[in-house]
Amino acid sequence: MLIETLGAARDIGRLHEIARVLVRHGFGDAVRRLGLADALERAGRALRHEHAADLARLAPPVQVRLAMQELGPTFVKLGQILAGRADLFGPDWIAEFGRLHSRVPAVPMEALRPQLREDLGGEPETVFARFDAEPLAAASIAQVHRATLHDGTEVVVKVRRPGIEEVIEADLRLLERLAAVAESELPQLAPYRPRQLVREFGRSLRRELDLGAECRHAERIAANLAVLPHVQIPRVHWVHTRERVNVQDFVDGIPGEDLERVTREGLDRVLLARRGAQAVLKMIVEDGLFHADPHPGNVFYLPGNRLAFIDFGMVGRLSARRREELLQLLLGLVQSEPQPVADVLLDWAGNDHGAALAQLEGEIEAFVDQYHGTPLAELNLGQMLADVTTILREHRLALPADLALLIKAFISLEGMGRGLDPGFHMAGEALPLLRQVVRARYQPRALGQRAWGGLRRVLDGAGQLPRDVARLLRRLRHGHLQLDIELAHLKRVGDQIDRAANRLSLALVIAALIIGSSIVMTVSGGPTLFGLPAFGLLGFCGAVVGGLWLLRSIWRSQHPRDEH
């Protein structure tokens, strides 16, 4: 039953709300195609079609954004992540997703107090020397209050909104089921892998719900950036930090959006842009753990041309292999070498797209080659990455989620740098670091470590070989060994061979009829028809009918008709 596919009874109320919002925003056809209307009818709910003339006149990207805003935190977060998927959506959609914000009315202190009391082990006014009941900011998942520790340290207390986990889990269950239905009912969405996208989004959102995990990310990144004394990460106070609440040092600086104040207070905007770029590039290229949303709202500028990063709820991770591929890609873009760029992107996109990859490779090479000879100061690295992902989107290829976060971070970083310094060029900042990392990779010590690691893996595999062979022989002896061979399109090839054999057999029968009838025509006597030997004439007629059928069958195989 469709209701079993789309959701359990515990989620049917939320399912009804989602369908109602989609219908109101002009997506009634999508609701029907996904089977939501049928599910709601079986659940005994009435789906009311609410029409609004002003909504009907809006463009589809605007309609989707408004629907996401109305559906709440899960869908707002999904839209914010999709804002970085230029490989999936065009500029109009990306612009609208970028307008989604998580600012919502704050939870009143009295509604927040029971959860805070449980997590802190006492009333907040007792645990802290001072606790502001009025929040500094409120977002869809958490809100932030200022406080003072008993030793005088100024801190911020980030508190998860009560009940938000249950709402998000229900939404994720429904999104997973809807993504499965969408893949089967809307084949045009298959290249974008909706189910995989929802799974990755769910993992990211669940990590963001854990405010303790956010602090662990902050401490790891702070340790990695300790070599940059001009970068500050707020200190975590673990004694008060839990899954639903965390406490960090208060950053008293200039918000990243207030560039006029940066100028008024005499800070060096050019130097701030360079230092911010160096910090984020180090996170990405060297460390493999980076702030996935380095926009101005998450950055503060401090006296002495220092800067602080906050809010590590969304981070990106890159494996060692991904970092190697990233180095190859960025160096290819910066140095205008198209072949390395094409090689990396084709590996990322996958190799299951047949002949289209040759065309894609040509387009990527032509795109990169157009920058050949362009001065480094004139390269817009963020825009180049965005243009490359646009090429992938036109070929209906999607990047892995970690790479989409990476490209989003690059684009955000370049935009922030140019806001501080119109002459800022990411390519110029990135090239020295990229060359430094490449040189470090080929130093004798690094080469020796990689060689030893490879040799150790080979020796480990060799040590396990006797056990694997014994296990294989044991399964073979007990008759449990199975060999699965999957040949693509085998059934279709077999059908084609079968049809060809049938036509060949019919052709032989027709040939035999013609030869036999010709012999009968030369024999005198026997019954006649129209003055000709009857059996010979009937044989010729059968041969004509068989020949016409054979010609029709051959013509239909060369001009297939749509059966639907």
Protein backbone atom coordinates (compact mmCIF):
# COMPACT_ATOMS: atom_id res chain seq x y z
CA MET A 1 0.00 0.00 0.00
CA LEU A 2 1.12 3.52 -0.76
CA ILE A 3 0.64 4.67 2.81
CA GLU A 4 3.24 2.06 3.90
CA THR A 5 5.67 3.41 1.32
CA LEU A 6 5.27 7.04 2.24
CA GLY A 7 5.12 7.02 5.98
CA ALA A 8 4.12 5.43 9.21
CA ALA A 9 1.07 6.51 11.14
CA ARG A 10 3.22 8.58 13.50
CA ASP A 11 4.28 10.79 10.58
CA ILE A 12 0.92 11.17 8.84
CA GLY A 13 0.19 14.52 10.49
CA ARG A 14 3.46 15.98 9.23
CA LEU A 15 2.84 14.37 5.85
CA HIS A 16 -0.51 16.13 5.65
CA GLU A 17 1.12 19.45 6.50
CA ILE A 18 3.82 19.03 3.84
CA ALA A 19 1.26 18.15 1.17
CA ARG A 20 -0.95 21.09 2.13
CA VAL A 21 1.95 23.56 1.90
CA LEU A 22 3.06 22.15 -1.46
CA VAL A 23 -0.46 22.41 -2.87
CA ARG A 24 -0.84 25.98 -1.65
CA HIS A 25 2.41 26.94 -3.35
CA GLY A 26 1.40 25.52 -6.70
CA PHE A 27 2.87 22.02 -6.56
CA GLY A 28 -0.37 20.03 -6.60
CA ASP A 29 0.76 18.02 -9.62
CA ALA A 30 3.94 16.97 -7.81
CA VAL A 31 1.83 15.95 -4.80
CA ARG A 32 -0.35 13.73 -7.00
CA ARG A 33 2.61 12.22 -8.89
CA LEU A 34 4.35 11.37 -5.62
CA GLY A 35 1.19 9.71 -4.31
CA LEU A 36 0.74 12.03 -1.35
CA ALA A 37 -2.90 12.71 -2.10
CA ASP A 38 -3.76 9.00 -2.13
CA ALA A 39 -1.88 8.44 1.12
CA LEU A 40 -3.75 11.22 2.84
CA GLU A 41 -7.13 9.93 1.63
CA ARG A 42 -6.34 6.46 2.99
CA ALA A 43 -5.39 8.06 6.29
CA GLY A 44 -8.80 9.72 6.42
CA ARG A 45 -7.46 13.22 5.89
CA ALA A 46 -8.96 15.78 3.56
CA LEU A 47 -6.51 17.54 1.27
CA ARG A 48 -7.80 21.06 0.77
CA HIS A 49 -6.65 22.94 -2.31
CA GLU A 50 -5.93 26.49 -1.27
CA HIS A 51 -5.43 28.90 -4.13
CA ALA A 52 -3.74 32.26 -3.94
CA ALA A 53 -3.49 34.41 -7.06
CA ASP A 54 -0.36 36.21 -5.87
CA LEU A 55 1.47 32.90 -5.28
CA ALA A 56 0.47 31.54 -8.69
CA ARG A 57 2.26 34.42 -10.43
CA LEU A 58 5.63 33.72 -8.77
CA ALA A 59 8.47 31.92 -10.55
CA PRO A 60 9.01 28.25 -9.56
CA PRO A 61 12.30 28.91 -7.66
CA VAL A 62 10.54 31.56 -5.56
CA GLN A 63 7.62 29.20 -4.93
CA VAL A 64 9.99 26.48 -3.72
CA ARG A 65 11.86 28.88 -1.43
CA LEU A 66 8.64 30.14 0.15
CA ALA A 67 7.40 26.57 0.62
CA MET A 68 10.69 25.58 2.29
CA GLN A 69 10.52 28.57 4.62
CA GLU A 70 6.99 27.60 5.65
CA LEU A 71 7.86 23.93 6.15
CA GLY A 72 10.39 24.73 8.86
CA PRO A 73 13.98 24.02 9.93
CA THR A 74 14.59 20.74 8.09
CA PHE A 75 13.60 22.18 4.74
CA VAL A 76 15.34 25.50 5.39
CA LYS A 77 18.57 23.62 6.10
CA LEU A 78 18.03 21.51 2.99
CA GLY A 79 17.64 24.67 0.92
CA GLN A 80 20.78 26.18 2.43
CA ILE A 81 22.74 23.07 1.45
CA LEU A 82 21.21 23.06 -2.04
CA ALA A 83 22.40 26.68 -2.39
CA GLY A 84 25.87 25.19 -2.76
CA ARG A 85 24.86 22.62 -5.39
CA ALA A 86 25.54 24.54 -8.58
CA ASP A 87 26.11 21.11 -10.14
CA LEU A 88 22.39 20.38 -9.66
CA PHE A 89 20.59 23.72 -10.06
CA GLY A 90 20.78 26.76 -12.31
CA PRO A 91 21.62 30.32 -11.18
CA ASP A 92 17.98 31.31 -10.52
CA TRP A 93 17.49 28.38 -8.16
CA ILE A 94 20.83 28.91 -6.41
CA ALA A 95 20.02 32.59 -5.85
CA GLU A 96 16.66 31.74 -4.26
CA PHE A 97 18.10 28.98 -2.07
CA GLY A 98 20.73 31.48 -0.94
CA ARG A 99 17.97 33.74 0.39
CA LEU A 100 16.76 31.11 2.84
CA HIS A 101 17.57 32.04 6.42
CA SER A 102 17.14 30.31 9.76
CA ARG A 103 16.12 33.38 11.78
CA VAL A 104 12.94 32.54 13.65
CA PRO A 105 11.21 33.86 16.80
CA ALA A 106 13.09 32.90 19.95
CA VAL A 107 11.79 30.30 22.39
CA PRO A 108 10.60 32.08 25.57
CA MET A 109 12.86 31.56 28.55
CA GLU A 110 10.19 29.80 30.58
CA ALA A 111 9.73 27.21 27.81
CA LEU A 112 13.51 26.77 27.61
CA ARG A 113 14.13 26.58 31.36
CA PRO A 114 13.24 22.88 32.04
CA GLN A 115 15.66 21.65 29.36
CA LEU A 116 18.41 24.04 30.52
CA ARG A 117 17.93 22.99 34.13
CA GLU A 118 18.28 19.32 33.14
CA ASP A 119 21.40 19.87 31.00
CA LEU A 120 23.21 22.31 33.29
CA GLY A 121 22.32 20.58 36.53
CA GLY A 122 20.68 23.66 37.99
CA GLU A 123 19.01 26.95 37.23
CA PRO A 124 21.02 28.96 34.66
CA GLU A 125 21.04 31.97 37.01
CA THR A 126 22.79 29.76 39.58
CA VAL A 127 25.19 27.94 37.25
CA PHE A 128 26.37 31.26 35.80
CA ALA A 129 27.19 34.49 37.60
CA ARG A 130 24.97 36.25 35.05
CA PHE A 131 22.62 34.81 32.42
CA ASP A 132 20.72 36.97 29.92
CA ALA A 133 17.19 35.67 29.39
CA GLU A 134 16.93 37.68 26.16
CA PRO A 135 18.82 35.80 23.39
CA LEU A 136 21.49 37.38 21.21
CA ALA A 137 20.20 35.47 18.18
CA ALA A 138 17.68 32.75 17.41
CA ALA A 139 17.87 30.27 14.53
CA SER A 140 15.84 27.24 13.49
CA ILE A 141 17.89 24.72 15.49
CA ALA A 142 19.28 26.71 18.42
CA GLN A 143 19.43 30.13 20.02
CA VAL A 144 22.29 31.92 21.77
CA HIS A 145 22.32 33.72 25.15
CA ARG A 146 25.10 35.76 26.74
CA ALA A 147 26.34 34.77 30.19
CA THR A 148 29.23 35.27 32.61
CA LEU A 149 31.05 32.48 34.43
CA HIS A 150 31.79 32.82 38.13
CA ASP A 151 35.45 33.57 37.30
CA GLY A 152 34.34 36.58 35.22
CA THR A 153 34.76 34.99 31.76
CA GLU A 154 32.26 36.27 29.22
CA VAL A 155 30.64 33.36 27.35
CA VAL A 156 27.79 32.52 25.01
CA VAL A 157 25.38 29.69 25.79
CA LYS A 158 23.98 27.95 22.71
CA VAL A 159 20.77 26.04 23.46
CA ARG A 160 18.98 23.62 21.14
CA ARG A 161 15.29 24.37 20.67
CA PRO A 162 13.11 21.96 22.68
CA GLY A 163 11.40 19.28 20.57
CA ILE A 164 13.32 20.14 17.41
CA GLU A 165 14.91 16.67 17.17
CA GLU A 166 11.54 14.89 16.89
CA VAL A 167 10.37 17.27 14.13
CA ILE A 168 13.58 16.86 12.15
CA GLU A 169 13.59 13.06 12.49
CA ALA A 170 10.00 12.90 11.21
CA ASP A 171 10.90 15.16 8.28
CA LEU A 172 13.96 13.06 7.43
CA ARG A 173 11.90 9.84 7.46
CA LEU A 174 9.40 11.41 5.08
CA LEU A 175 12.13 12.86 2.85
CA GLU A 176 13.79 9.45 2.56
CA ARG A 177 10.51 7.82 1.53
CA LEU A 178 9.60 10.62 -0.84
CA ALA A 179 13.06 10.46 -2.44
CA ALA A 180 12.57 6.73 -3.09
CA VAL A 181 9.15 7.37 -4.66
CA ALA A 182 10.55 10.28 -6.69
CA GLU A 183 13.30 8.10 -8.17
CA SER A 184 10.76 5.52 -9.33
CA GLU A 185 7.97 7.89 -10.43
CA LEU A 186 10.12 10.73 -11.86
CA PRO A 187 12.93 9.10 -13.89
CA GLN A 188 14.29 12.51 -14.90
CA LEU A 189 15.46 12.96 -11.29
CA ALA A 190 17.50 9.73 -11.26
CA PRO A 191 20.82 11.33 -12.37
CA TYR A 192 20.64 13.59 -9.31
CA ARG A 193 20.38 10.59 -6.94
CA PRO A 194 17.65 11.95 -4.62
CA ARG A 195 17.96 9.13 -2.10
CA GLN A 196 21.71 9.58 -1.76
CA LEU A 197 21.25 13.35 -1.46
CA VAL A 198 18.70 12.90 1.35
CA ARG A 199 20.91 10.38 3.19
CA GLU A 200 23.88 12.75 3.09
CA PHE A 201 21.69 15.65 4.16
CA GLY A 202 20.33 13.61 7.05
CA ARG A 203 23.82 12.76 8.29
CA SER A 204 24.84 16.41 8.11
CA LEU A 205 21.72 17.65 9.91
CA ARG A 206 21.97 15.07 12.69
CA ARG A 207 25.58 16.13 13.29
CA GLU A 208 24.42 19.74 13.50
CA LEU A 209 21.85 18.78 16.14
CA ASP A 210 24.66 17.62 18.41
CA LEU A 211 25.99 20.85 19.92
CA GLY A 212 28.77 18.89 21.62
CA ALA A 213 30.00 17.67 18.23
CA GLU A 214 30.15 21.29 17.08
CA CYS A 215 32.58 22.00 19.92
CA ARG A 216 34.71 18.97 19.07
CA HIS A 217 35.00 20.30 15.51
CA ALA A 218 35.96 23.72 16.86
CA GLU A 219 38.74 22.29 19.03
CA ARG A 220 40.17 20.18 16.20
CA ILE A 221 40.22 23.15 13.86
CA ALA A 222 41.70 25.37 16.58
CA ALA A 223 44.54 22.88 17.04
CA ASN A 224 45.16 22.78 13.29
CA LEU A 225 45.23 26.60 13.07
CA ALA A 226 47.44 27.09 16.13
CA VAL A 227 50.32 27.95 13.76
CA LEU A 228 48.36 31.04 12.64
CA PRO A 229 48.44 33.40 15.65
CA HIS A 230 46.16 35.91 13.91
CA VAL A 231 43.23 33.43 13.85
CA GLN A 232 41.09 32.84 16.93
CA ILE A 233 38.60 30.03 17.63
CA PRO A 234 36.40 30.45 20.74
CA ARG A 235 37.45 28.28 23.69
CA VAL A 236 34.98 25.57 24.75
CA HIS A 237 33.90 25.18 28.38
CA TRP A 238 33.28 21.45 28.52
CA VAL A 239 32.00 21.41 32.07
CA HIS A 240 28.77 22.99 30.82
CA THR A 241 28.66 21.45 27.33
CA ARG A 242 26.25 18.67 26.37
CA GLU A 243 24.43 17.43 23.28
CA ARG A 244 21.69 20.07 23.68
CA VAL A 245 23.78 22.95 25.02
CA ASN A 246 27.30 24.26 24.61
CA VAL A 247 29.23 27.10 26.21
CA GLN A 248 32.05 28.97 24.45
CA ASP A 249 33.97 32.18 24.96
CA PHE A 250 32.18 35.32 23.84
CA VAL A 251 33.91 36.93 20.83
CA ASP A 252 33.92 40.70 21.21
CA GLY A 253 34.70 41.84 17.69
CA ILE A 254 33.34 43.49 14.58
CA PRO A 255 30.75 41.32 12.78
CA GLY A 256 31.85 40.30 9.30
CA GLU A 257 28.96 42.17 7.68
CA ASP A 258 29.92 45.53 9.24
CA LEU A 259 32.66 46.57 6.81
CA GLU A 260 32.13 50.27 7.48
CA ARG A 261 33.05 49.73 11.12
CA VAL A 262 36.14 47.80 10.04
CA THR A 263 37.25 50.90 8.13
CA ARG A 264 36.29 53.29 10.96
CA GLU A 265 38.36 51.40 13.49
CA GLY A 266 41.41 51.44 11.24
CA LEU A 267 41.76 47.75 10.50
CA ASP A 268 43.66 46.71 7.37
CA ARG A 269 41.00 45.23 5.13
CA VAL A 270 43.53 43.91 2.59
CA LEU A 271 45.46 42.10 5.32
CA LEU A 272 42.25 40.70 6.84
CA ALA A 273 41.22 39.29 3.43
CA ARG A 274 44.60 37.59 3.00
CA ARG A 275 44.63 36.15 6.52
CA GLY A 276 41.10 34.81 6.20
CA ALA A 277 41.95 33.17 2.90
CA GLN A 278 45.13 31.62 4.33
CA ALA A 279 43.18 30.15 7.25
CA VAL A 280 40.41 28.59 5.14
CA LEU A 281 42.84 27.33 2.50
CA LYS A 282 44.91 25.67 5.21
CA MET A 283 41.79 23.96 6.59
CA ILE A 284 40.88 22.67 3.13
CA VAL A 285 44.20 21.85 1.46
CA GLU A 286 46.38 20.81 4.40
CA ASP A 287 44.07 19.63 7.18
CA GLY A 288 41.06 18.12 5.38
CA LEU A 289 38.62 19.49 8.00
CA PHE A 290 37.16 22.87 7.13
CA HIS A 291 34.44 25.35 8.03
CA ALA A 292 31.82 24.55 5.40
CA ASP A 293 30.04 27.91 5.63
CA PRO A 294 32.64 30.72 5.98
CA HIS A 295 30.24 33.58 5.25
CA PRO A 296 30.53 37.01 6.96
CA GLY A 297 27.98 36.08 9.64
CA ASN A 298 30.40 33.46 11.00
CA VAL A 299 33.45 35.75 11.08
CA PHE A 300 34.47 38.54 13.48
CA TYR A 301 37.31 41.00 13.00
CA LEU A 302 39.44 41.75 16.07
CA PRO A 303 42.00 44.44 17.04
CA GLY A 304 45.46 43.86 15.61
CA ASN A 305 44.01 42.70 12.27
CA ARG A 306 43.07 39.37 13.75
CA LEU A 307 39.92 37.40 12.96
CA ALA A 308 37.75 34.81 14.68
CA PHE A 309 35.63 32.02 13.20
CA ILE A 310 32.49 30.84 15.00
CA ASP A 311 29.72 28.24 14.47
CA PHE A 312 31.30 24.95 13.44
CA GLY A 313 28.00 23.10 13.21
CA MET A 314 28.55 22.48 9.50
CA VAL A 315 32.02 21.25 8.60
CA GLY A 316 33.41 19.50 5.56
CA ARG A 317 35.84 16.59 5.55
CA LEU A 318 38.27 15.61 2.81
CA SER A 319 40.17 12.32 2.76
CA ALA A 320 43.85 12.27 1.82
CA ARG A 321 42.88 11.04 -1.65
CA ARG A 322 40.36 13.84 -2.09
CA ARG A 323 42.99 16.40 -1.09
CA GLU A 324 45.37 15.03 -3.71
CA GLU A 325 42.65 15.32 -6.35
CA LEU A 326 41.83 18.82 -5.14
CA LEU A 327 45.47 19.87 -5.47
CA GLN A 328 45.50 18.58 -9.03
CA LEU A 329 42.25 20.40 -9.84
CA LEU A 330 43.23 23.76 -8.31
CA LEU A 331 46.71 23.72 -9.79
CA GLY A 332 45.22 22.91 -13.20
CA LEU A 333 42.78 25.83 -12.92
CA VAL A 334 45.37 28.32 -11.63
CA GLN A 335 48.06 27.28 -14.11
CA SER A 336 45.60 26.88 -17.04
CA GLU A 337 46.33 23.19 -17.60
CA PRO A 338 43.08 21.66 -18.89
CA GLN A 339 43.96 17.96 -18.89
CA PRO A 340 44.43 17.57 -15.10
CA VAL A 341 41.16 19.44 -14.50
CA ALA A 342 39.28 17.20 -16.93
CA ASP A 343 40.80 14.05 -15.43
CA VAL A 344 39.77 14.96 -11.88
CA LEU A 345 36.24 16.05 -12.78
CA LEU A 346 35.62 12.93 -14.85
CA ASP A 347 36.73 10.79 -11.91
CA TRP A 348 34.42 12.71 -9.59
CA ALA A 349 31.47 12.52 -11.97
CA GLY A 350 31.85 8.75 -12.48
CA ASN A 351 32.55 6.65 -15.54
CA ASP A 352 29.09 5.23 -16.23
CA HIS A 353 27.90 7.81 -18.73
CA GLY A 354 29.26 6.29 -21.90
CA ALA A 355 30.16 8.32 -24.95
CA ALA A 356 28.93 11.55 -23.34
CA LEU A 357 32.14 11.66 -21.33
CA ALA A 358 34.18 12.39 -24.45
CA GLN A 359 32.05 15.48 -25.12
CA LEU A 360 32.28 16.50 -21.46
CA GLU A 361 36.05 16.17 -21.49
CA GLY A 362 36.25 18.35 -24.58
CA GLU A 363 34.09 21.05 -23.00
CA ILE A 364 36.14 21.09 -19.79
CA GLU A 365 39.40 21.33 -21.71
CA ALA A 366 38.04 24.16 -23.85
CA PHE A 367 36.80 25.98 -20.74
CA VAL A 368 40.16 25.83 -18.95
CA ASP A 369 42.15 26.56 -22.10
CA GLN A 370 40.38 29.90 -22.53
CA TYR A 371 42.25 31.15 -19.46
CA HIS A 372 45.65 30.24 -20.89
CA GLY A 373 47.96 33.22 -20.57
CA THR A 374 45.58 35.13 -18.28
CA PRO A 375 47.49 36.93 -15.48
CA LEU A 376 47.04 35.31 -12.08
CA ALA A 377 45.58 38.52 -10.66
CA GLU A 378 42.71 38.38 -13.15
CA LEU A 379 41.57 34.84 -12.34
CA ASN A 380 38.38 34.50 -10.31
CA LEU A 381 38.87 31.03 -8.84
CA GLY A 382 35.46 30.86 -7.19
CA GLN A 383 33.70 31.77 -10.43
CA MET A 384 35.81 29.26 -12.34
CA LEU A 385 34.73 26.49 -9.97
CA ALA A 386 31.12 27.59 -10.31
CA ASP A 387 31.39 27.55 -14.13
CA VAL A 388 32.92 24.05 -14.09
CA THR A 389 30.05 22.73 -11.96
CA THR A 390 27.63 24.37 -14.41
CA ILE A 391 29.20 22.29 -17.20
CA LEU A 392 28.65 19.16 -15.10
CA ARG A 393 25.02 20.14 -14.47
CA GLU A 394 24.39 20.56 -18.20
CA HIS A 395 25.58 16.98 -18.64
CA ARG A 396 23.29 15.82 -15.79
CA LEU A 397 26.25 14.81 -13.61
CA ALA A 398 26.28 15.41 -9.83
CA LEU A 399 29.31 15.93 -7.63
CA PRO A 400 29.77 13.96 -4.40
CA ALA A 401 28.44 15.86 -1.39
CA ASP A 402 31.84 16.59 0.21
CA LEU A 403 33.04 18.23 -3.00
CA ALA A 404 29.89 20.31 -3.34
CA LEU A 405 30.49 21.65 0.21
CA LEU A 406 34.09 22.38 -0.74
CA ILE A 407 33.18 24.39 -3.82
CA LYS A 408 30.54 26.27 -1.83
CA ALA A 409 33.19 27.18 0.76
CA PHE A 410 35.55 28.42 -1.97
CA ILE A 411 32.86 30.58 -3.55
CA SER A 412 31.82 32.02 -0.15
CA LEU A 413 35.43 32.70 0.78
CA GLU A 414 36.21 34.53 -2.45
CA GLY A 415 33.06 36.62 -2.08
CA MET A 416 34.01 37.55 1.50
CA GLY A 417 37.57 38.40 0.43
CA ARG A 418 36.39 40.68 -2.37
CA GLY A 419 34.01 42.38 0.06
CA LEU A 420 36.99 43.31 2.22
CA ASP A 421 39.35 44.05 -0.66
CA PRO A 422 38.00 44.57 -4.21
CA GLY A 423 41.47 43.65 -5.48
CA PHE A 424 41.46 40.31 -3.64
CA HIS A 425 42.33 37.29 -5.84
CA MET A 426 41.90 33.81 -4.45
CA ALA A 427 44.13 32.32 -7.13
CA GLY A 428 47.05 34.49 -6.03
CA GLU A 429 46.57 33.44 -2.40
CA ALA A 430 46.08 29.77 -3.22
CA LEU A 431 49.00 29.19 -5.58
CA PRO A 432 51.86 29.58 -3.03
CA LEU A 433 50.11 27.24 -0.58
CA LEU A 434 49.34 24.71 -3.31
CA ARG A 435 52.97 24.66 -4.43
CA GLN A 436 54.15 24.37 -0.84
CA VAL A 437 51.89 21.37 -0.21
CA VAL A 438 53.00 19.70 -3.46
CA ARG A 439 56.67 20.19 -2.55
CA ALA A 440 56.04 18.77 0.90
CA ARG A 441 54.41 15.68 -0.61
CA TYR A 442 57.54 14.87 -2.61
CA GLN A 443 60.14 15.39 0.08
CA PRO A 444 62.18 12.24 0.83
CA ARG A 445 60.59 11.74 4.23
CA ALA A 446 57.03 12.00 2.86
CA LEU A 447 57.87 9.64 -0.03
CA GLY A 448 59.40 7.16 2.42
CA GLN A 449 56.33 7.26 4.67
CA ARG A 450 53.98 6.59 1.74
CA ALA A 451 56.22 3.79 0.44
CA TRP A 452 56.35 2.18 3.89
CA GLY A 453 52.57 2.49 4.25
CA GLY A 454 52.04 0.80 0.88
CA LEU A 455 54.50 -1.98 1.70
CA ARG A 456 52.85 -2.57 5.07
CA ARG A 457 49.42 -2.94 3.42
CA VAL A 458 50.89 -5.44 0.92
CA LEU A 459 52.48 -7.46 3.73
CA ASP A 460 49.24 -7.41 5.71
CA GLY A 461 47.37 -8.69 2.65
CA ALA A 462 49.95 -11.42 2.10
CA GLY A 463 49.65 -12.49 5.74
CA GLN A 464 45.88 -12.86 5.38
CA LEU A 465 46.10 -14.76 2.09
CA PRO A 466 46.40 -18.31 3.59
CA ARG A 467 43.35 -17.67 5.80
CA ASP A 468 41.34 -16.35 2.82
CA VAL A 469 42.32 -19.37 0.67
CA ALA A 470 41.36 -21.79 3.50
CA ARG A 471 38.00 -20.05 3.90
CA LEU A 472 37.40 -20.28 0.13
CA LEU A 473 38.24 -23.99 0.04
CA ARG A 474 36.01 -24.69 3.05
CA ARG A 475 33.03 -23.00 1.36
CA LEU A 476 33.77 -24.93 -1.85
CA ARG A 477 33.92 -28.24 0.05
CA HIS A 478 30.55 -27.61 1.68
CA GLY A 479 28.97 -26.52 -1.60
CA HIS A 480 28.39 -22.96 -0.41
CA LEU A 481 30.51 -21.21 -3.02
CA GLN A 482 28.50 -19.10 -5.41
CA LEU A 483 29.70 -17.26 -8.48
CA ASP A 484 27.54 -14.34 -9.57
CA ILE A 485 28.15 -12.95 -13.05
CA GLU A 486 26.14 -9.98 -14.21
CA LEU A 487 26.30 -9.06 -17.88
CA ALA A 488 24.65 -5.80 -18.80
CA HIS A 489 21.83 -6.08 -21.36
CA LEU A 490 22.26 -9.89 -21.59
CA LYS A 491 18.50 -10.49 -21.87
CA ARG A 492 18.15 -7.93 -24.65
CA VAL A 493 21.03 -9.51 -26.60
CA GLY A 494 19.46 -12.96 -26.14
CA ASP A 495 16.11 -11.68 -27.43
CA GLN A 496 17.79 -10.18 -30.48
CA ILE A 497 19.56 -13.46 -31.22
CA ASP A 498 16.28 -15.35 -30.81
CA ARG A 499 14.48 -13.02 -33.25
CA ALA A 500 17.31 -13.31 -35.76
CA ALA A 501 17.20 -17.13 -35.57
CA ASN A 502 13.43 -17.09 -36.13
CA ARG A 503 13.82 -14.89 -39.23
CA LEU A 504 16.58 -17.12 -40.57
CA SER A 505 14.42 -20.23 -40.07
CA LEU A 506 11.51 -18.55 -41.87
CA ALA A 507 13.81 -17.52 -44.71
CA LEU A 508 14.91 -21.14 -45.11
CA VAL A 509 11.27 -22.30 -45.14
CA ILE A 510 10.42 -19.68 -47.81
CA ALA A 511 13.41 -20.77 -49.88
CA ALA A 512 12.31 -24.41 -49.59
CA LEU A 513 8.75 -23.50 -50.67
CA ILE A 514 10.01 -21.64 -53.72
CA ILE A 515 12.34 -24.47 -54.77
CA GLY A 516 9.72 -27.18 -54.08
CA SER A 517 6.99 -25.25 -55.89
CA SER A 518 9.24 -24.71 -58.88
CA ILE A 519 9.82 -28.47 -59.12
CA VAL A 520 6.09 -29.21 -58.76
CA MET A 521 5.35 -26.74 -61.60
CA THR A 522 7.44 -28.85 -63.99
CA VAL A 523 5.55 -32.09 -63.21
CA SER A 524 2.53 -32.80 -65.39
CA GLY A 525 -0.67 -34.30 -64.03
CA GLY A 526 -2.41 -33.78 -60.73
CA PRO A 527 -4.99 -31.16 -59.74
CA THR A 528 -4.81 -27.72 -61.29
CA LEU A 529 -5.87 -24.23 -60.25
CA PHE A 530 -6.25 -21.46 -62.86
CA GLY A 531 -4.59 -23.86 -65.27
CA LEU A 532 -1.52 -24.29 -63.08
CA PRO A 533 -0.51 -27.17 -60.79
CA ALA A 534 -2.45 -26.48 -57.57
CA PHE A 535 0.29 -27.56 -55.12
CA GLY A 536 2.95 -25.51 -56.88
CA LEU A 537 0.69 -22.42 -56.91
CA LEU A 538 -0.16 -22.80 -53.20
CA GLY A 539 3.54 -23.17 -52.39
CA PHE A 540 4.33 -19.90 -54.22
CA CYS A 541 1.50 -18.12 -52.40
CA GLY A 542 2.81 -19.34 -49.04
CA ALA A 543 6.30 -18.16 -49.99
CA VAL A 544 4.92 -14.67 -50.88
CA VAL A 545 3.01 -14.39 -47.59
CA GLY A 546 6.06 -15.55 -45.61
CA GLY A 547 8.31 -13.14 -47.49
CA LEU A 548 5.99 -10.18 -46.82
CA TRP A 549 5.86 -11.05 -43.10
CA LEU A 550 9.67 -11.34 -43.02
CA LEU A 551 10.08 -7.92 -44.69
CA ARG A 552 7.62 -6.36 -42.25
CA SER A 553 9.45 -7.87 -39.27
CA ILE A 554 12.80 -6.54 -40.52
CA TRP A 555 11.34 -3.07 -41.17
CA ARG A 556 9.78 -2.90 -37.68
CA SER A 557 13.08 -3.87 -36.03
CA GLN A 558 14.77 -0.96 -37.82
CA HIS A 559 11.91 1.50 -37.07
CA PRO A 560 10.76 0.70 -33.52
CA ARG A 561 7.53 2.31 -32.37
CA ASP A 562 6.84 3.60 -28.90
CA GLU A 563 4.72 1.08 -27.08
CA HIS A 564 3.44 3.61 -24.57
